[in-house]
Amino acid sequence: MVKQPEEQVDRNISHSEQRVDGRGQNPTSQANLKPFEKGVSGNPSGRPIKNAKFIEALRQYGYDVPRDIFGDKEAFSQATNNMAVIDQIWKDGKNGNYQAIRLLMELGAIEPDTSE
């Protein structure tokens, strides 16, 4: 026969009960806290942009002149890599590539012809 305790001890204490007991009420820790004014952010520079250096490198590459696999400027190509990508998306769309067509439609570059 297992002996049961006469009284159950509740060891689950909520955060509000801990504050009543004095937890977090140390005057030295309270002195360090400075509340923000209403409407003022605690992080004025905002959340840092992920992969910021990589994004900047991609932008710089986009303005570069397209080159072939040997490093020579491609003959009869677009002026920049950005324009080469845009040209390829339009070519893919004209050839029936659904993803290219959908991208162009989502960006508002093309709209269905409703004049008929």
PDB file of N, CA and C in Angstrom:
ATOM      1  N   MET A   1       0.834  -1.171   0.000  1.00  0.00           N
ATOM      2  CA  MET A   1       0.000   0.000   0.000  1.00  0.00           C
ATOM      3  C   MET A   1       0.885   1.242   0.000  1.00  0.00           C
ATOM      4  N   VAL A   2       0.585   2.136  -0.968  1.00  0.00           N
ATOM      5  CA  VAL A   2       1.361   3.355  -1.117  1.00  0.00           C
ATOM      6  C   VAL A   2       0.750   4.417  -0.231  1.00  0.00           C
ATOM      7  N   LYS A   3       1.612   5.062   0.512  1.00  0.00           N
ATOM      8  CA  LYS A   3       1.146   6.080   1.432  1.00  0.00           C
ATOM      9  C   LYS A   3       1.012   7.411   0.699  1.00  0.00           C
ATOM     10  N   GLN A   4      -0.132   8.039   0.738  1.00  0.00           N
ATOM     11  CA  GLN A   4      -0.410   9.306   0.083  1.00  0.00           C
ATOM     12  C   GLN A   4      -0.057  10.452   1.028  1.00  0.00           C
ATOM     13  N   PRO A   5       0.509  11.531   0.509  1.00  0.00           N
ATOM     14  CA  PRO A   5       0.760  12.681   1.381  1.00  0.00           C
ATOM     15  C   PRO A   5      -0.575  13.287   1.799  1.00  0.00           C
ATOM     16  N   GLU A   6      -0.577  13.799   2.990  1.00  0.00           N
ATOM     17  CA  GLU A   6      -1.821  14.347   3.516  1.00  0.00           C
ATOM     18  C   GLU A   6      -2.199  15.656   2.813  1.00  0.00           C
ATOM     19  N   GLU A   7      -1.208  16.396   2.426  1.00  0.00           N
ATOM     20  CA  GLU A   7      -1.505  17.688   1.826  1.00  0.00           C
ATOM     21  C   GLU A   7      -0.655  17.848   0.565  1.00  0.00           C
ATOM     22  N   GLN A   8      -1.284  18.213  -0.524  1.00  0.00           N
ATOM     23  CA  GLN A   8      -0.559  18.441  -1.771  1.00  0.00           C
ATOM     24  C   GLN A   8       0.062  19.839  -1.726  1.00  0.00           C
ATOM     25  N   VAL A   9       1.319  19.926  -2.120  1.00  0.00           N
ATOM     26  CA  VAL A   9       2.008  21.205  -2.150  1.00  0.00           C
ATOM     27  C   VAL A   9       2.008  21.693  -3.592  1.00  0.00           C
ATOM     28  N   ASP A  10       1.491  22.889  -3.804  1.00  0.00           N
ATOM     29  CA  ASP A  10       1.429  23.462  -5.146  1.00  0.00           C
ATOM     30  C   ASP A  10       2.749  24.164  -5.431  1.00  0.00           C
ATOM     31  N   ARG A  11       3.557  23.571  -6.303  1.00  0.00           N
ATOM     32  CA  ARG A  11       4.864  24.151  -6.638  1.00  0.00           C
ATOM     33  C   ARG A  11       4.792  25.033  -7.881  1.00  0.00           C
ATOM     34  N   ASN A  12       3.653  25.085  -8.529  1.00  0.00           N
ATOM     35  CA  ASN A  12       3.491  25.941  -9.703  1.00  0.00           C
ATOM     36  C   ASN A  12       3.107  27.344  -9.253  1.00  0.00           C
ATOM     37  N   ILE A  13       4.054  28.272  -9.424  1.00  0.00           N
ATOM     38  CA  ILE A  13       3.816  29.653  -9.014  1.00  0.00           C
ATOM     39  C   ILE A  13       3.790  30.496 -10.276  1.00  0.00           C
ATOM     40  N   SER A  14       2.770  31.300 -10.434  1.00  0.00           N
ATOM     41  CA  SER A  14       2.660  32.136 -11.628  1.00  0.00           C
ATOM     42  C   SER A  14       3.583  33.345 -11.519  1.00  0.00           C
ATOM     43  N   HIS A  15       3.801  34.015 -12.667  1.00  0.00           N
ATOM     44  CA  HIS A  15       4.660  35.187 -12.685  1.00  0.00           C
ATOM     45  C   HIS A  15       4.076  36.310 -11.841  1.00  0.00           C
ATOM     46  N   SER A  16       2.772  36.446 -11.858  1.00  0.00           N
ATOM     47  CA  SER A  16       2.171  37.525 -11.077  1.00  0.00           C
ATOM     48  C   SER A  16       2.372  37.283  -9.587  1.00  0.00           C
ATOM     49  N   GLU A  17       2.339  36.017  -9.176  1.00  0.00           N
ATOM     50  CA  GLU A  17       2.584  35.717  -7.764  1.00  0.00           C
ATOM     51  C   GLU A  17       4.035  35.973  -7.401  1.00  0.00           C
ATOM     52  N   GLN A  18       4.964  35.745  -8.341  1.00  0.00           N
ATOM     53  CA  GLN A  18       6.370  36.004  -8.070  1.00  0.00           C
ATOM     54  C   GLN A  18       6.603  37.498  -7.882  1.00  0.00           C
ATOM     55  N   ARG A  19       5.908  38.315  -8.649  1.00  0.00           N
ATOM     56  CA  ARG A  19       6.094  39.758  -8.518  1.00  0.00           C
ATOM     57  C   ARG A  19       5.568  40.241  -7.154  1.00  0.00           C
ATOM     58  N   VAL A  20       4.511  39.625  -6.668  1.00  0.00           N
ATOM     59  CA  VAL A  20       3.980  39.975  -5.354  1.00  0.00           C
ATOM     60  C   VAL A  20       4.993  39.606  -4.280  1.00  0.00           C
ATOM     61  N   ASP A  21       5.709  38.498  -4.538  1.00  0.00           N
ATOM     62  CA  ASP A  21       6.708  38.053  -3.565  1.00  0.00           C
ATOM     63  C   ASP A  21       7.953  38.923  -3.585  1.00  0.00           C
ATOM     64  N   GLY A  22       8.068  39.817  -4.575  1.00  0.00           N
ATOM     65  CA  GLY A  22       9.210  40.716  -4.602  1.00  0.00           C
ATOM     66  C   GLY A  22      10.226  40.414  -5.681  1.00  0.00           C
ATOM     67  N   ARG A  23       9.972  39.427  -6.514  1.00  0.00           N
ATOM     68  CA  ARG A  23      10.924  39.115  -7.576  1.00  0.00           C
ATOM     69  C   ARG A  23      10.926  40.235  -8.601  1.00  0.00           C
ATOM     70  N   GLY A  24      12.117  40.693  -8.997  1.00  0.00           N
ATOM     71  CA  GLY A  24      12.228  41.771  -9.970  1.00  0.00           C
ATOM     72  C   GLY A  24      12.009  43.144  -9.376  1.00  0.00           C
ATOM     73  N   GLN A  25      11.950  43.234  -8.083  1.00  0.00           N
ATOM     74  CA  GLN A  25      11.675  44.512  -7.432  1.00  0.00           C
ATOM     75  C   GLN A  25      12.914  45.132  -6.802  1.00  0.00           C
ATOM     76  N   ASN A  26      14.102  44.605  -7.101  1.00  0.00           N
ATOM     77  CA  ASN A  26      15.332  45.130  -6.538  1.00  0.00           C
ATOM     78  C   ASN A  26      15.516  46.574  -7.010  1.00  0.00           C
ATOM     79  N   PRO A  27      15.766  47.514  -6.101  1.00  0.00           N
ATOM     80  CA  PRO A  27      15.873  48.923  -6.490  1.00  0.00           C
ATOM     81  C   PRO A  27      17.006  49.199  -7.472  1.00  0.00           C
ATOM     82  N   THR A  28      18.120  48.457  -7.383  1.00  0.00           N
ATOM     83  CA  THR A  28      19.223  48.721  -8.308  1.00  0.00           C
ATOM     84  C   THR A  28      18.867  48.274  -9.724  1.00  0.00           C
ATOM     85  N   SER A  29      18.098  47.196  -9.857  1.00  0.00           N
ATOM     86  CA  SER A  29      17.702  46.779 -11.204  1.00  0.00           C
ATOM     87  C   SER A  29      16.622  47.705 -11.748  1.00  0.00           C
ATOM     88  N   GLN A  30      15.811  48.247 -10.917  1.00  0.00           N
ATOM     89  CA  GLN A  30      14.773  49.186 -11.345  1.00  0.00           C
ATOM     90  C   GLN A  30      15.386  50.516 -11.779  1.00  0.00           C
ATOM     91  N   ALA A  31      16.545  50.894 -11.206  1.00  0.00           N
ATOM     92  CA  ALA A  31      17.175  52.174 -11.530  1.00  0.00           C
ATOM     93  C   ALA A  31      17.711  52.171 -12.958  1.00  0.00           C
ATOM     94  N   ASN A  32      18.082  50.987 -13.481  1.00  0.00           N
ATOM     95  CA  ASN A  32      18.628  50.900 -14.833  1.00  0.00           C
ATOM     96  C   ASN A  32      17.558  51.010 -15.905  1.00  0.00           C
ATOM     97  N   LEU A  33      16.317  50.799 -15.557  1.00  0.00           N
ATOM     98  CA  LEU A  33      15.252  50.793 -16.550  1.00  0.00           C
ATOM     99  C   LEU A  33      14.792  52.209 -16.863  1.00  0.00           C
ATOM    100  N   LYS A  34      14.757  52.514 -18.153  1.00  0.00           N
ATOM    101  CA  LYS A  34      14.270  53.820 -18.588  1.00  0.00           C
ATOM    102  C   LYS A  34      13.180  53.560 -19.611  1.00  0.00           C
ATOM    103  N   PRO A  35      11.934  53.821 -19.280  1.00  0.00           N
ATOM    104  CA  PRO A  35      10.847  53.552 -20.230  1.00  0.00           C
ATOM    105  C   PRO A  35      10.918  54.505 -21.423  1.00  0.00           C
ATOM    106  N   PHE A  36      10.499  53.993 -22.581  1.00  0.00           N
ATOM    107  CA  PHE A  36      10.472  54.798 -23.791  1.00  0.00           C
ATOM    108  C   PHE A  36       9.241  55.686 -23.770  1.00  0.00           C
ATOM    109  N   GLU A  37       9.391  56.857 -24.405  1.00  0.00           N
ATOM    110  CA  GLU A  37       8.249  57.746 -24.533  1.00  0.00           C
ATOM    111  C   GLU A  37       7.259  57.133 -25.514  1.00  0.00           C
ATOM    112  N   LYS A  38       6.014  57.524 -25.404  1.00  0.00           N
ATOM    113  CA  LYS A  38       5.003  57.016 -26.322  1.00  0.00           C
ATOM    114  C   LYS A  38       5.332  57.430 -27.745  1.00  0.00           C
ATOM    115  N   GLY A  39       5.250  56.456 -28.647  1.00  0.00           N
ATOM    116  CA  GLY A  39       5.503  56.713 -30.055  1.00  0.00           C
ATOM    117  C   GLY A  39       6.967  56.690 -30.454  1.00  0.00           C
ATOM    118  N   VAL A  40       7.867  56.401 -29.504  1.00  0.00           N
ATOM    119  CA  VAL A  40       9.293  56.347 -29.802  1.00  0.00           C
ATOM    120  C   VAL A  40       9.733  54.895 -29.754  1.00  0.00           C
ATOM    121  N   SER A  41      10.429  54.463 -30.791  1.00  0.00           N
ATOM    122  CA  SER A  41      10.865  53.075 -30.875  1.00  0.00           C
ATOM    123  C   SER A  41      12.071  52.842 -29.981  1.00  0.00           C
ATOM    124  N   GLY A  42      12.165  51.646 -29.455  1.00  0.00           N
ATOM    125  CA  GLY A  42      13.332  51.252 -28.674  1.00  0.00           C
ATOM    126  C   GLY A  42      14.491  50.864 -29.569  1.00  0.00           C
ATOM    127  N   ASN A  43      14.233  50.681 -30.848  1.00  0.00           N
ATOM    128  CA  ASN A  43      15.270  50.310 -31.798  1.00  0.00           C
ATOM    129  C   ASN A  43      15.174  51.246 -32.996  1.00  0.00           C
ATOM    130  N   PRO A  44      15.749  52.449 -32.903  1.00  0.00           N
ATOM    131  CA  PRO A  44      15.556  53.445 -33.950  1.00  0.00           C
ATOM    132  C   PRO A  44      16.102  53.033 -35.313  1.00  0.00           C
ATOM    133  N   SER A  45      17.130  52.194 -35.356  1.00  0.00           N
ATOM    134  CA  SER A  45      17.667  51.791 -36.657  1.00  0.00           C
ATOM    135  C   SER A  45      16.854  50.657 -37.270  1.00  0.00           C
ATOM    136  N   GLY A  46      15.947  50.076 -36.526  1.00  0.00           N
ATOM    137  CA  GLY A  46      15.084  49.026 -37.055  1.00  0.00           C
ATOM    138  C   GLY A  46      15.777  47.680 -37.113  1.00  0.00           C
ATOM    139  N   ARG A  47      15.077  46.718 -37.629  1.00  0.00           N
ATOM    140  CA  ARG A  47      15.616  45.370 -37.761  1.00  0.00           C
ATOM    141  C   ARG A  47      16.676  45.372 -38.869  1.00  0.00           C
ATOM    142  N   PRO A  48      17.828  44.751 -38.616  1.00  0.00           N
ATOM    143  CA  PRO A  48      18.848  44.738 -39.663  1.00  0.00           C
ATOM    144  C   PRO A  48      18.393  43.909 -40.866  1.00  0.00           C
ATOM    145  N   ILE A  49      18.782  44.338 -42.054  1.00  0.00           N
ATOM    146  CA  ILE A  49      18.406  43.636 -43.272  1.00  0.00           C
ATOM    147  C   ILE A  49      19.272  42.397 -43.404  1.00  0.00           C
ATOM    148  N   LYS A  50      18.618  41.261 -43.650  1.00  0.00           N
ATOM    149  CA  LYS A  50      19.367  40.022 -43.815  1.00  0.00           C
ATOM    150  C   LYS A  50      20.140  40.078 -45.122  1.00  0.00           C
ATOM    151  N   ASN A  51      21.342  39.563 -45.101  1.00  0.00           N
ATOM    152  CA  ASN A  51      22.183  39.442 -46.283  1.00  0.00           C
ATOM    153  C   ASN A  51      22.378  40.771 -47.005  1.00  0.00           C
ATOM    154  N   ALA A  52      22.561  41.823 -46.272  1.00  0.00           N
ATOM    155  CA  ALA A  52      22.669  43.157 -46.871  1.00  0.00           C
ATOM    156  C   ALA A  52      23.844  43.247 -47.842  1.00  0.00           C
ATOM    157  N   LYS A  53      24.988  42.663 -47.486  1.00  0.00           N
ATOM    158  CA  LYS A  53      26.157  42.724 -48.371  1.00  0.00           C
ATOM    159  C   LYS A  53      25.905  41.937 -49.652  1.00  0.00           C
ATOM    160  N   PHE A  54      25.250  40.794 -49.527  1.00  0.00           N
ATOM    161  CA  PHE A  54      24.954  39.971 -50.699  1.00  0.00           C
ATOM    162  C   PHE A  54      23.979  40.687 -51.626  1.00  0.00           C
ATOM    163  N   ILE A  55      22.956  41.310 -51.053  1.00  0.00           N
ATOM    164  CA  ILE A  55      21.975  42.052 -51.851  1.00  0.00           C
ATOM    165  C   ILE A  55      22.660  43.201 -52.582  1.00  0.00           C
ATOM    166  N   GLU A  56      23.562  43.905 -51.907  1.00  0.00           N
ATOM    167  CA  GLU A  56      24.278  45.011 -52.546  1.00  0.00           C
ATOM    168  C   GLU A  56      25.176  44.498 -53.670  1.00  0.00           C
ATOM    169  N   ALA A  57      25.828  43.351 -53.478  1.00  0.00           N
ATOM    170  CA  ALA A  57      26.662  42.768 -54.535  1.00  0.00           C
ATOM    171  C   ALA A  57      25.811  42.396 -55.748  1.00  0.00           C
ATOM    172  N   LEU A  58      24.602  41.859 -55.509  1.00  0.00           N
ATOM    173  CA  LEU A  58      23.710  41.524 -56.613  1.00  0.00           C
ATOM    174  C   LEU A  58      23.289  42.770 -57.375  1.00  0.00           C
ATOM    175  N   ARG A  59      23.016  43.848 -56.656  1.00  0.00           N
ATOM    176  CA  ARG A  59      22.637  45.100 -57.318  1.00  0.00           C
ATOM    177  C   ARG A  59      23.780  45.617 -58.195  1.00  0.00           C
ATOM    178  N   GLN A  60      24.992  45.584 -57.644  1.00  0.00           N
ATOM    179  CA  GLN A  60      26.147  46.053 -58.417  1.00  0.00           C
ATOM    180  C   GLN A  60      26.351  45.198 -59.660  1.00  0.00           C
ATOM    181  N   TYR A  61      26.188  43.889 -59.523  1.00  0.00           N
ATOM    182  CA  TYR A  61      26.348  42.986 -60.660  1.00  0.00           C
ATOM    183  C   TYR A  61      25.278  43.248 -61.711  1.00  0.00           C
ATOM    184  N   GLY A  62      24.098  43.615 -61.272  1.00  0.00           N
ATOM    185  CA  GLY A  62      23.015  43.905 -62.199  1.00  0.00           C
ATOM    186  C   GLY A  62      23.328  45.058 -63.126  1.00  0.00           C
ATOM    187  N   TYR A  63      24.131  46.016 -62.669  1.00  0.00           N
ATOM    188  CA  TYR A  63      24.484  47.167 -63.498  1.00  0.00           C
ATOM    189  C   TYR A  63      25.718  46.911 -64.359  1.00  0.00           C
ATOM    190  N   ASP A  64      26.354  45.742 -64.189  1.00  0.00           N
ATOM    191  CA  ASP A  64      27.537  45.403 -64.965  1.00  0.00           C
ATOM    192  C   ASP A  64      27.138  44.939 -66.364  1.00  0.00           C
ATOM    193  N   VAL A  65      28.076  44.954 -67.271  1.00  0.00           N
ATOM    194  CA  VAL A  65      27.836  44.524 -68.647  1.00  0.00           C
ATOM    195  C   VAL A  65      27.879  42.998 -68.691  1.00  0.00           C
ATOM    196  N   PRO A  66      26.921  42.359 -69.358  1.00  0.00           N
ATOM    197  CA  PRO A  66      26.937  40.892 -69.447  1.00  0.00           C
ATOM    198  C   PRO A  66      28.196  40.399 -70.158  1.00  0.00           C
ATOM    199  N   ARG A  67      28.735  39.286 -69.675  1.00  0.00           N
ATOM    200  CA  ARG A  67      29.936  38.709 -70.261  1.00  0.00           C
ATOM    201  C   ARG A  67      29.685  37.238 -70.562  1.00  0.00           C
ATOM    202  N   ASP A  68      30.429  36.715 -71.529  1.00  0.00           N
ATOM    203  CA  ASP A  68      30.298  35.296 -71.853  1.00  0.00           C
ATOM    204  C   ASP A  68      31.172  34.471 -70.911  1.00  0.00           C
ATOM    205  N   ILE A  69      31.258  33.175 -71.150  1.00  0.00           N
ATOM    206  CA  ILE A  69      31.993  32.307 -70.223  1.00  0.00           C
ATOM    207  C   ILE A  69      33.492  32.568 -70.232  1.00  0.00           C
ATOM    208  N   PHE A  70      33.991  33.278 -71.233  1.00  0.00           N
ATOM    209  CA  PHE A  70      35.417  33.598 -71.304  1.00  0.00           C
ATOM    210  C   PHE A  70      35.729  34.961 -70.697  1.00  0.00           C
ATOM    211  N   GLY A  71      34.711  35.670 -70.246  1.00  0.00           N
ATOM    212  CA  GLY A  71      34.905  36.981 -69.630  1.00  0.00           C
ATOM    213  C   GLY A  71      34.821  38.128 -70.607  1.00  0.00           C
ATOM    214  N   ASP A  72      34.550  37.810 -71.886  1.00  0.00           N
ATOM    215  CA  ASP A  72      34.418  38.865 -72.892  1.00  0.00           C
ATOM    216  C   ASP A  72      33.001  39.410 -72.876  1.00  0.00           C
ATOM    217  N   LYS A  73      32.872  40.675 -73.242  1.00  0.00           N
ATOM    218  CA  LYS A  73      31.531  41.266 -73.341  1.00  0.00           C
ATOM    219  C   LYS A  73      30.760  40.535 -74.423  1.00  0.00           C
ATOM    220  N   GLU A  74      29.524  40.181 -74.109  1.00  0.00           N
ATOM    221  CA  GLU A  74      28.707  39.449 -75.069  1.00  0.00           C
ATOM    222  C   GLU A  74      28.301  40.367 -76.217  1.00  0.00           C
ATOM    223  N   ALA A  75      28.468  39.867 -77.422  1.00  0.00           N
ATOM    224  CA  ALA A  75      28.081  40.643 -78.593  1.00  0.00           C
ATOM    225  C   ALA A  75      26.559  40.621 -78.744  1.00  0.00           C
ATOM    226  N   PHE A  76      25.990  41.733 -79.156  1.00  0.00           N
ATOM    227  CA  PHE A  76      24.555  41.865 -79.411  1.00  0.00           C
ATOM    228  C   PHE A  76      23.718  41.561 -78.168  1.00  0.00           C
ATOM    229  N   SER A  77      24.233  41.839 -77.003  1.00  0.00           N
ATOM    230  CA  SER A  77      23.464  41.586 -75.776  1.00  0.00           C
ATOM    231  C   SER A  77      22.937  42.899 -75.215  1.00  0.00           C
ATOM    232  N   GLN A  78      22.232  42.780 -74.143  1.00  0.00           N
ATOM    233  CA  GLN A  78      21.682  43.955 -73.481  1.00  0.00           C
ATOM    234  C   GLN A  78      22.808  44.769 -72.843  1.00  0.00           C
ATOM    235  N   ALA A  79      22.518  45.997 -72.490  1.00  0.00           N
ATOM    236  CA  ALA A  79      23.518  46.894 -71.935  1.00  0.00           C
ATOM    237  C   ALA A  79      23.953  46.479 -70.531  1.00  0.00           C
ATOM    238  N   THR A  80      23.042  45.901 -69.738  1.00  0.00           N
ATOM    239  CA  THR A  80      23.383  45.487 -68.374  1.00  0.00           C
ATOM    240  C   THR A  80      22.826  44.103 -68.100  1.00  0.00           C
ATOM    241  N   ASN A  81      23.295  43.514 -67.008  1.00  0.00           N
ATOM    242  CA  ASN A  81      22.773  42.211 -66.596  1.00  0.00           C
ATOM    243  C   ASN A  81      21.293  42.310 -66.233  1.00  0.00           C
ATOM    244  N   ASN A  82      20.898  43.439 -65.652  1.00  0.00           N
ATOM    245  CA  ASN A  82      19.476  43.625 -65.326  1.00  0.00           C
ATOM    246  C   ASN A  82      18.613  43.505 -66.569  1.00  0.00           C
ATOM    247  N   MET A  83      19.023  44.181 -67.624  1.00  0.00           N
ATOM    248  CA  MET A  83      18.252  44.146 -68.861  1.00  0.00           C
ATOM    249  C   MET A  83      18.292  42.756 -69.500  1.00  0.00           C
ATOM    250  N   ALA A  84      19.415  42.042 -69.342  1.00  0.00           N
ATOM    251  CA  ALA A  84      19.502  40.686 -69.885  1.00  0.00           C
ATOM    252  C   ALA A  84      18.512  39.763 -69.190  1.00  0.00           C
ATOM    253  N   VAL A  85      18.355  39.914 -67.866  1.00  0.00           N
ATOM    254  CA  VAL A  85      17.391  39.094 -67.122  1.00  0.00           C
ATOM    255  C   VAL A  85      15.969  39.425 -67.554  1.00  0.00           C
ATOM    256  N   ILE A  86      15.674  40.714 -67.668  1.00  0.00           N
ATOM    257  CA  ILE A  86      14.333  41.135 -68.092  1.00  0.00           C
ATOM    258  C   ILE A  86      14.032  40.606 -69.492  1.00  0.00           C
ATOM    259  N   ASP A  87      15.022  40.697 -70.381  1.00  0.00           N
ATOM    260  CA  ASP A  87      14.857  40.190 -71.739  1.00  0.00           C
ATOM    261  C   ASP A  87      14.577  38.688 -71.737  1.00  0.00           C
ATOM    262  N   GLN A  88      15.286  37.949 -70.879  1.00  0.00           N
ATOM    263  CA  GLN A  88      15.087  36.493 -70.815  1.00  0.00           C
ATOM    264  C   GLN A  88      13.707  36.140 -70.264  1.00  0.00           C
ATOM    265  N   ILE A  89      13.233  36.898 -69.282  1.00  0.00           N
ATOM    266  CA  ILE A  89      11.892  36.641 -68.736  1.00  0.00           C
ATOM    267  C   ILE A  89      10.840  36.845 -69.831  1.00  0.00           C
ATOM    268  N   TRP A  90      10.970  37.913 -70.612  1.00  0.00           N
ATOM    269  CA  TRP A  90      10.014  38.155 -71.702  1.00  0.00           C
ATOM    270  C   TRP A  90      10.104  37.056 -72.755  1.00  0.00           C
ATOM    271  N   LYS A  91      11.324  36.619 -73.090  1.00  0.00           N
ATOM    272  CA  LYS A  91      11.481  35.538 -74.066  1.00  0.00           C
ATOM    273  C   LYS A  91      10.821  34.258 -73.558  1.00  0.00           C
ATOM    274  N   ASP A  92      11.047  33.939 -72.262  1.00  0.00           N
ATOM    275  CA  ASP A  92      10.445  32.734 -71.685  1.00  0.00           C
ATOM    276  C   ASP A  92       8.919  32.839 -71.701  1.00  0.00           C
ATOM    277  N   GLY A  93       8.398  34.010 -71.391  1.00  0.00           N
ATOM    278  CA  GLY A  93       6.948  34.203 -71.418  1.00  0.00           C
ATOM    279  C   GLY A  93       6.373  34.033 -72.811  1.00  0.00           C
ATOM    280  N   LYS A  94       7.059  34.569 -73.804  1.00  0.00           N
ATOM    281  CA  LYS A  94       6.593  34.426 -75.190  1.00  0.00           C
ATOM    282  C   LYS A  94       6.634  32.968 -75.655  1.00  0.00           C
ATOM    283  N   ASN A  95       7.561  32.197 -75.076  1.00  0.00           N
ATOM    284  CA  ASN A  95       7.672  30.783 -75.444  1.00  0.00           C
ATOM    285  C   ASN A  95       6.729  29.893 -74.641  1.00  0.00           C
ATOM    286  N   GLY A  96       5.918  30.486 -73.783  1.00  0.00           N
ATOM    287  CA  GLY A  96       4.906  29.728 -73.063  1.00  0.00           C
ATOM    288  C   GLY A  96       5.300  29.272 -71.669  1.00  0.00           C
ATOM    289  N   ASN A  97       6.380  29.765 -71.116  1.00  0.00           N
ATOM    290  CA  ASN A  97       6.785  29.401 -69.759  1.00  0.00           C
ATOM    291  C   ASN A  97       5.790  30.022 -68.779  1.00  0.00           C
ATOM    292  N   TYR A  98       5.027  29.148 -68.105  1.00  0.00           N
ATOM    293  CA  TYR A  98       3.947  29.611 -67.227  1.00  0.00           C
ATOM    294  C   TYR A  98       4.481  30.469 -66.082  1.00  0.00           C
ATOM    295  N   GLN A  99       5.625  30.089 -65.506  1.00  0.00           N
ATOM    296  CA  GLN A  99       6.163  30.863 -64.385  1.00  0.00           C
ATOM    297  C   GLN A  99       6.549  32.275 -64.814  1.00  0.00           C
ATOM    298  N   ALA A 100       7.123  32.411 -66.002  1.00  0.00           N
ATOM    299  CA  ALA A 100       7.480  33.746 -66.500  1.00  0.00           C
ATOM    300  C   ALA A 100       6.221  34.569 -66.767  1.00  0.00           C
ATOM    301  N   ILE A 101       5.202  33.935 -67.355  1.00  0.00           N
ATOM    302  CA  ILE A 101       3.943  34.640 -67.625  1.00  0.00           C
ATOM    303  C   ILE A 101       3.302  35.086 -66.314  1.00  0.00           C
ATOM    304  N   ARG A 102       3.282  34.198 -65.341  1.00  0.00           N
ATOM    305  CA  ARG A 102       2.676  34.525 -64.044  1.00  0.00           C
ATOM    306  C   ARG A 102       3.430  35.668 -63.365  1.00  0.00           C
ATOM    307  N   LEU A 103       4.780  35.631 -63.420  1.00  0.00           N
ATOM    308  CA  LEU A 103       5.581  36.702 -62.838  1.00  0.00           C
ATOM    309  C   LEU A 103       5.249  38.038 -63.489  1.00  0.00           C
ATOM    310  N   LEU A 104       5.184  38.049 -64.803  1.00  0.00           N
ATOM    311  CA  LEU A 104       4.868  39.290 -65.519  1.00  0.00           C
ATOM    312  C   LEU A 104       3.466  39.788 -65.181  1.00  0.00           C
ATOM    313  N   MET A 105       2.515  38.870 -65.019  1.00  0.00           N
ATOM    314  CA  MET A 105       1.152  39.274 -64.660  1.00  0.00           C
ATOM    315  C   MET A 105       1.078  39.807 -63.240  1.00  0.00           C
ATOM    316  N   GLU A 106       1.774  39.138 -62.299  1.00  0.00           N
ATOM    317  CA  GLU A 106       1.754  39.589 -60.905  1.00  0.00           C
ATOM    318  C   GLU A 106       2.382  40.961 -60.746  1.00  0.00           C
ATOM    319  N   LEU A 107       3.394  41.240 -61.565  1.00  0.00           N
ATOM    320  CA  LEU A 107       4.053  42.541 -61.493  1.00  0.00           C
ATOM    321  C   LEU A 107       3.314  43.617 -62.275  1.00  0.00           C
ATOM    322  N   GLY A 108       2.266  43.229 -62.993  1.00  0.00           N
ATOM    323  CA  GLY A 108       1.478  44.184 -63.746  1.00  0.00           C
ATOM    324  C   GLY A 108       2.108  44.578 -65.070  1.00  0.00           C
ATOM    325  N   ALA A 109       3.097  43.797 -65.528  1.00  0.00           N
ATOM    326  CA  ALA A 109       3.750  44.118 -66.796  1.00  0.00           C
ATOM    327  C   ALA A 109       2.874  43.733 -67.980  1.00  0.00           C
ATOM    328  N   ILE A 110       2.039  42.717 -67.807  1.00  0.00           N
ATOM    329  CA  ILE A 110       1.108  42.322 -68.868  1.00  0.00           C
ATOM    330  C   ILE A 110      -0.272  42.142 -68.261  1.00  0.00           C
ATOM    331  N   GLU A 111      -1.271  42.377 -69.074  1.00  0.00           N
ATOM    332  CA  GLU A 111      -2.655  42.195 -68.651  1.00  0.00           C
ATOM    333  C   GLU A 111      -3.389  41.469 -69.766  1.00  0.00           C
ATOM    334  N   PRO A 112      -4.368  40.673 -69.421  1.00  0.00           N
ATOM    335  CA  PRO A 112      -5.124  39.987 -70.466  1.00  0.00           C
ATOM    336  C   PRO A 112      -5.846  41.017 -71.348  1.00  0.00           C
ATOM    337  N   ASP A 113      -5.921  40.719 -72.631  1.00  0.00           N
ATOM    338  CA  ASP A 113      -6.606  41.601 -73.581  1.00  0.00           C
ATOM    339  C   ASP A 113      -8.109  41.340 -73.488  1.00  0.00           C
ATOM    340  N   THR A 114      -8.869  42.321 -73.061  1.00  0.00           N
ATOM    341  CA  THR A 114     -10.311  42.170 -72.894  1.00  0.00           C
ATOM    342  C   THR A 114     -11.099  42.931 -73.947  1.00  0.00           C
ATOM    343  N   SER A 115     -10.433  43.369 -75.007  1.00  0.00           N
ATOM    344  CA  SER A 115     -11.107  44.188 -76.021  1.00  0.00           C
ATOM    345  C   SER A 115     -11.960  43.348 -76.977  1.00  0.00           C
ATOM    346  N   GLU A 116     -11.765  42.058 -76.986  1.00  0.00           N
ATOM    347  CA  GLU A 116     -12.512  41.206 -77.935  1.00  0.00           C
ATOM    348  C   GLU A 116     -13.896  40.943 -77.479  1.00  0.00           C
TER     349      GLU A 116
END
